[in-house]
């Protein structure tokens, strides 16, 4: 089994922890996408605060 096939198999495997917490079947790929999306939203939110304070002339 090649490395890419092993990674693909792991990504397609069920995430036991998320499945137990949520009661639905989730794969490792879905968990990773959720984490990346959450970090992106937090980053955009922080950037919005910085830009808004800069536009308002308020020092952080």
PDB file of N, CA and C in Angstrom:
ATOM      1  N   UNK A   1       0.851  -1.175   0.000  1.00  0.00           N
ATOM      2  CA  UNK A   1       0.000   0.000   0.000  1.00  0.00           C
ATOM      3  C   UNK A   1       0.896   1.237   0.000  1.00  0.00           C
ATOM      4  N   UNK A   2       0.615   2.130  -0.922  1.00  0.00           N
ATOM      5  CA  UNK A   2       1.415   3.351  -1.008  1.00  0.00           C
ATOM      6  C   UNK A   2       1.003   4.325   0.087  1.00  0.00           C
ATOM      7  N   UNK A   3       1.834   5.340   0.260  1.00  0.00           N
ATOM      8  CA  UNK A   3       1.565   6.331   1.297  1.00  0.00           C
ATOM      9  C   UNK A   3       0.272   7.088   1.004  1.00  0.00           C
ATOM     10  N   UNK A   4       0.040   7.448  -0.248  1.00  0.00           N
ATOM     11  CA  UNK A   4      -1.178   8.190  -0.578  1.00  0.00           C
ATOM     12  C   UNK A   4      -2.423   7.325  -0.389  1.00  0.00           C
ATOM     13  N   UNK A   5      -2.312   6.038  -0.656  1.00  0.00           N
ATOM     14  CA  UNK A   5      -3.445   5.138  -0.435  1.00  0.00           C
ATOM     15  C   UNK A   5      -3.719   4.977   1.060  1.00  0.00           C
ATOM     16  N   UNK A   6      -2.656   4.944   1.857  1.00  0.00           N
ATOM     17  CA  UNK A   6      -2.828   4.832   3.311  1.00  0.00           C
ATOM     18  C   UNK A   6      -3.473   6.088   3.879  1.00  0.00           C
ATOM     19  N   UNK A   7      -3.052   7.245   3.395  1.00  0.00           N
ATOM     20  CA  UNK A   7      -3.640   8.513   3.851  1.00  0.00           C
ATOM     21  C   UNK A   7      -5.099   8.583   3.429  1.00  0.00           C
ATOM     22  N   UNK A   8      -5.399   8.201   2.188  1.00  0.00           N
ATOM     23  CA  UNK A   8      -6.784   8.212   1.703  1.00  0.00           C
ATOM     24  C   UNK A   8      -7.654   7.279   2.540  1.00  0.00           C
ATOM     25  N   UNK A   9      -7.117   6.102   2.878  1.00  0.00           N
ATOM     26  CA  UNK A   9      -7.881   5.149   3.704  1.00  0.00           C
ATOM     27  C   UNK A   9      -8.147   5.733   5.087  1.00  0.00           C
ATOM     28  N   UNK A  10      -7.143   6.406   5.667  1.00  0.00           N
ATOM     29  CA  UNK A  10      -7.330   7.016   6.987  1.00  0.00           C
ATOM     30  C   UNK A  10      -8.355   8.143   6.925  1.00  0.00           C
ATOM     31  N   UNK A  11      -8.275   8.983   5.875  1.00  0.00           N
ATOM     32  CA  UNK A  11      -9.222  10.088   5.740  1.00  0.00           C
ATOM     33  C   UNK A  11     -10.653   9.591   5.577  1.00  0.00           C
ATOM     34  N   UNK A  12     -10.820   8.459   4.903  1.00  0.00           N
ATOM     35  CA  UNK A  12     -12.158   7.905   4.678  1.00  0.00           C
ATOM     36  C   UNK A  12     -12.663   7.073   5.853  1.00  0.00           C
ATOM     37  N   UNK A  13     -11.809   6.805   6.831  1.00  0.00           N
ATOM     38  CA  UNK A  13     -12.208   6.000   7.986  1.00  0.00           C
ATOM     39  C   UNK A  13     -13.065   6.827   8.937  1.00  0.00           C
ATOM     40  N   UNK A  14     -13.863   6.137   9.726  1.00  0.00           N
ATOM     41  CA  UNK A  14     -14.754   6.799  10.672  1.00  0.00           C
ATOM     42  C   UNK A  14     -13.971   7.370  11.846  1.00  0.00           C
ATOM     43  N   UNK A  15     -14.325   8.598  12.235  1.00  0.00           N
ATOM     44  CA  UNK A  15     -13.744   9.229  13.418  1.00  0.00           C
ATOM     45  C   UNK A  15     -14.578   8.812  14.622  1.00  0.00           C
ATOM     46  N   UNK A  16     -14.019   7.947  15.438  1.00  0.00           N
ATOM     47  CA  UNK A  16     -14.766   7.388  16.565  1.00  0.00           C
ATOM     48  C   UNK A  16     -15.192   8.465  17.564  1.00  0.00           C
ATOM     49  N   UNK A  17     -14.323   9.429  17.821  1.00  0.00           N
ATOM     50  CA  UNK A  17     -14.644  10.451  18.828  1.00  0.00           C
ATOM     51  C   UNK A  17     -15.789  11.356  18.364  1.00  0.00           C
ATOM     52  N   UNK A  18     -15.730  11.891  17.138  1.00  0.00           N
ATOM     53  CA  UNK A  18     -16.809  12.741  16.648  1.00  0.00           C
ATOM     54  C   UNK A  18     -18.100  11.955  16.486  1.00  0.00           C
ATOM     55  N   UNK A  19     -17.993  10.708  16.062  1.00  0.00           N
ATOM     56  CA  UNK A  19     -19.174   9.871  15.921  1.00  0.00           C
ATOM     57  C   UNK A  19     -19.833   9.643  17.267  1.00  0.00           C
ATOM     58  N   UNK A  20     -19.038   9.414  18.305  1.00  0.00           N
ATOM     59  CA  UNK A  20     -19.583   9.195  19.646  1.00  0.00           C
ATOM     60  C   UNK A  20     -20.197  10.476  20.209  1.00  0.00           C
ATOM     61  N   UNK A  21     -19.553  11.612  19.976  1.00  0.00           N
ATOM     62  CA  UNK A  21     -20.050  12.879  20.513  1.00  0.00           C
ATOM     63  C   UNK A  21     -21.340  13.303  19.824  1.00  0.00           C
ATOM     64  N   UNK A  22     -21.379  13.197  18.502  1.00  0.00           N
ATOM     65  CA  UNK A  22     -22.517  13.720  17.736  1.00  0.00           C
ATOM     66  C   UNK A  22     -23.616  12.700  17.475  1.00  0.00           C
ATOM     67  N   UNK A  23     -23.298  11.429  17.565  1.00  0.00           N
ATOM     68  CA  UNK A  23     -24.292  10.409  17.311  1.00  0.00           C
ATOM     69  C   UNK A  23     -24.528  10.132  15.839  1.00  0.00           C
ATOM     70  N   UNK A  24     -23.724  10.715  14.967  1.00  0.00           N
ATOM     71  CA  UNK A  24     -23.777  10.465  13.529  1.00  0.00           C
ATOM     72  C   UNK A  24     -22.400  10.037  13.068  1.00  0.00           C
ATOM     73  N   UNK A  25     -22.327   9.408  11.911  1.00  0.00           N
ATOM     74  CA  UNK A  25     -21.041   8.944  11.391  1.00  0.00           C
ATOM     75  C   UNK A  25     -20.298  10.109  10.732  1.00  0.00           C
ATOM     76  N   UNK A  26     -19.068  10.342  11.183  1.00  0.00           N
ATOM     77  CA  UNK A  26     -18.192  11.347  10.594  1.00  0.00           C
ATOM     78  C   UNK A  26     -16.865  10.693  10.231  1.00  0.00           C
ATOM     79  N   UNK A  27     -16.281  11.119   9.103  1.00  0.00           N
ATOM     80  CA  UNK A  27     -14.965  10.613   8.710  1.00  0.00           C
ATOM     81  C   UNK A  27     -13.889  11.578   9.197  1.00  0.00           C
ATOM     82  N   UNK A  28     -12.652  11.115   9.169  1.00  0.00           N
ATOM     83  CA  UNK A  28     -11.536  11.982   9.549  1.00  0.00           C
ATOM     84  C   UNK A  28     -11.461  13.197   8.620  1.00  0.00           C
ATOM     85  N   UNK A  29     -11.757  13.021   7.341  1.00  0.00           N
ATOM     86  CA  UNK A  29     -11.716  14.140   6.390  1.00  0.00           C
ATOM     87  C   UNK A  29     -12.724  15.212   6.774  1.00  0.00           C
ATOM     88  N   UNK A  30     -13.917  14.805   7.187  1.00  0.00           N
ATOM     89  CA  UNK A  30     -14.935  15.776   7.599  1.00  0.00           C
ATOM     90  C   UNK A  30     -14.519  16.513   8.863  1.00  0.00           C
ATOM     91  N   UNK A  31     -13.871  15.820   9.776  1.00  0.00           N
ATOM     92  CA  UNK A  31     -13.391  16.455  11.006  1.00  0.00           C
ATOM     93  C   UNK A  31     -12.321  17.489  10.677  1.00  0.00           C
ATOM     94  N   UNK A  32     -11.412  17.152   9.786  1.00  0.00           N
ATOM     95  CA  UNK A  32     -10.346  18.082   9.391  1.00  0.00           C
ATOM     96  C   UNK A  32     -10.948  19.298   8.690  1.00  0.00           C
ATOM     97  N   UNK A  33     -11.923  19.080   7.795  1.00  0.00           N
ATOM     98  CA  UNK A  33     -12.562  20.211   7.112  1.00  0.00           C
ATOM     99  C   UNK A  33     -13.278  21.128   8.104  1.00  0.00           C
ATOM    100  N   UNK A  34     -13.889  20.544   9.118  1.00  0.00           N
ATOM    101  CA  UNK A  34     -14.558  21.339  10.144  1.00  0.00           C
ATOM    102  C   UNK A  34     -13.550  22.180  10.923  1.00  0.00           C
ATOM    103  N   UNK A  35     -12.418  21.591  11.282  1.00  0.00           N
ATOM    104  CA  UNK A  35     -11.386  22.315  12.025  1.00  0.00           C
ATOM    105  C   UNK A  35     -10.812  23.455  11.186  1.00  0.00           C
ATOM    106  N   UNK A  36     -10.532  23.184   9.918  1.00  0.00           N
ATOM    107  CA  UNK A  36      -9.987  24.221   9.029  1.00  0.00           C
ATOM    108  C   UNK A  36     -10.999  25.349   8.843  1.00  0.00           C
ATOM    109  N   UNK A  37     -12.259  25.003   8.680  1.00  0.00           N
ATOM    110  CA  UNK A  37     -13.303  26.022   8.537  1.00  0.00           C
ATOM    111  C   UNK A  37     -13.441  26.872   9.778  1.00  0.00           C
ATOM    112  N   UNK A  38     -13.350  26.257  10.951  1.00  0.00           N
ATOM    113  CA  UNK A  38     -13.442  26.992  12.209  1.00  0.00           C
ATOM    114  C   UNK A  38     -12.277  27.965  12.358  1.00  0.00           C
ATOM    115  N   UNK A  39     -11.085  27.512  12.045  1.00  0.00           N
ATOM    116  CA  UNK A  39      -9.902  28.387  12.120  1.00  0.00           C
ATOM    117  C   UNK A  39     -10.037  29.537  11.122  1.00  0.00           C
ATOM    118  N   UNK A  40     -10.552  29.270   9.938  1.00  0.00           N
ATOM    119  CA  UNK A  40     -10.723  30.327   8.939  1.00  0.00           C
ATOM    120  C   UNK A  40     -11.721  31.383   9.419  1.00  0.00           C
ATOM    121  N   UNK A  41     -12.820  30.955  10.015  1.00  0.00           N
ATOM    122  CA  UNK A  41     -13.813  31.903  10.527  1.00  0.00           C
ATOM    123  C   UNK A  41     -13.211  32.746  11.651  1.00  0.00           C
ATOM    124  N   UNK A  42     -12.465  32.118  12.546  1.00  0.00           N
ATOM    125  CA  UNK A  42     -11.830  32.867  13.633  1.00  0.00           C
ATOM    126  C   UNK A  42     -10.812  33.871  13.101  1.00  0.00           C
ATOM    127  N   UNK A  43     -10.051  33.474  12.089  1.00  0.00           N
ATOM    128  CA  UNK A  43      -9.060  34.363  11.491  1.00  0.00           C
ATOM    129  C   UNK A  43      -9.742  35.567  10.846  1.00  0.00           C
ATOM    130  N   UNK A  44     -10.796  35.322  10.081  1.00  0.00           N
ATOM    131  CA  UNK A  44     -11.510  36.423   9.426  1.00  0.00           C
ATOM    132  C   UNK A  44     -12.134  37.341  10.467  1.00  0.00           C
ATOM    133  N   UNK A  45     -12.655  36.776  11.537  1.00  0.00           N
ATOM    134  CA  UNK A  45     -13.246  37.592  12.606  1.00  0.00           C
ATOM    135  C   UNK A  45     -12.195  38.484  13.255  1.00  0.00           C
ATOM    136  N   UNK A  46     -11.034  37.929  13.556  1.00  0.00           N
ATOM    137  CA  UNK A  46      -9.957  38.717  14.159  1.00  0.00           C
ATOM    138  C   UNK A  46      -9.480  39.792  13.200  1.00  0.00           C
ATOM    139  N   UNK A  47      -9.384  39.454  11.932  1.00  0.00           N
ATOM    140  CA  UNK A  47      -8.968  40.433  10.929  1.00  0.00           C
ATOM    141  C   UNK A  47      -9.997  41.556  10.822  1.00  0.00           C
ATOM    142  N   UNK A  48     -11.274  41.217  10.913  1.00  0.00           N
ATOM    143  CA  UNK A  48     -12.331  42.232  10.853  1.00  0.00           C
ATOM    144  C   UNK A  48     -12.236  43.185  12.035  1.00  0.00           C
ATOM    145  N   UNK A  49     -11.915  42.670  13.210  1.00  0.00           N
ATOM    146  CA  UNK A  49     -11.757  43.527  14.390  1.00  0.00           C
ATOM    147  C   UNK A  49     -10.592  44.481  14.200  1.00  0.00           C
ATOM    148  N   UNK A  50      -9.491  43.980  13.679  1.00  0.00           N
ATOM    149  CA  UNK A  50      -8.312  44.819  13.458  1.00  0.00           C
ATOM    150  C   UNK A  50      -8.618  45.903  12.430  1.00  0.00           C
ATOM    151  N   UNK A  51      -9.244  45.524  11.330  1.00  0.00           N
ATOM    152  CA  UNK A  51      -9.567  46.513  10.284  1.00  0.00           C
ATOM    153  C   UNK A  51     -10.574  47.530  10.795  1.00  0.00           C
ATOM    154  N   UNK A  52     -11.588  47.083  11.530  1.00  0.00           N
ATOM    155  CA  UNK A  52     -12.597  48.017  12.055  1.00  0.00           C
ATOM    156  C   UNK A  52     -11.974  49.002  13.041  1.00  0.00           C
ATOM    157  N   UNK A  53     -11.079  48.519  13.887  1.00  0.00           N
ATOM    158  CA  UNK A  53     -10.446  49.426  14.840  1.00  0.00           C
ATOM    159  C   UNK A  53      -9.499  50.389  14.130  1.00  0.00           C
ATOM    160  N   UNK A  54      -8.854  49.923  13.054  1.00  0.00           N
ATOM    161  CA  UNK A  54      -7.971  50.788  12.277  1.00  0.00           C
ATOM    162  C   UNK A  54      -8.794  51.875  11.588  1.00  0.00           C
ATOM    163  N   UNK A  55      -9.943  51.497  11.024  1.00  0.00           N
ATOM    164  CA  UNK A  55     -10.795  52.473  10.351  1.00  0.00           C
ATOM    165  C   UNK A  55     -11.377  53.479  11.350  1.00  0.00           C
ATOM    166  N   UNK A  56     -11.631  53.036  12.564  1.00  0.00           N
ATOM    167  CA  UNK A  56     -12.183  53.928  13.577  1.00  0.00           C
ATOM    168  C   UNK A  56     -11.108  54.754  14.256  1.00  0.00           C
ATOM    169  N   UNK A  57      -9.858  54.442  14.014  1.00  0.00           N
ATOM    170  CA  UNK A  57      -8.759  55.177  14.612  1.00  0.00           C
ATOM    171  C   UNK A  57      -8.491  54.808  16.057  1.00  0.00           C
ATOM    172  N   UNK A  58      -8.906  53.621  16.466  1.00  0.00           N
ATOM    173  CA  UNK A  58      -8.720  53.157  17.827  1.00  0.00           C
ATOM    174  C   UNK A  58      -7.485  52.280  17.885  1.00  0.00           C
ATOM    175  N   UNK A  59      -6.611  52.525  18.869  1.00  0.00           N
ATOM    176  CA  UNK A  59      -5.420  51.694  19.022  1.00  0.00           C
ATOM    177  C   UNK A  59      -5.797  50.414  19.752  1.00  0.00           C
ATOM    178  N   UNK A  60      -5.285  49.308  19.254  1.00  0.00           N
ATOM    179  CA  UNK A  60      -5.554  48.027  19.907  1.00  0.00           C
ATOM    180  C   UNK A  60      -4.652  47.828  21.098  1.00  0.00           C
TER     181      UNK A  60
END
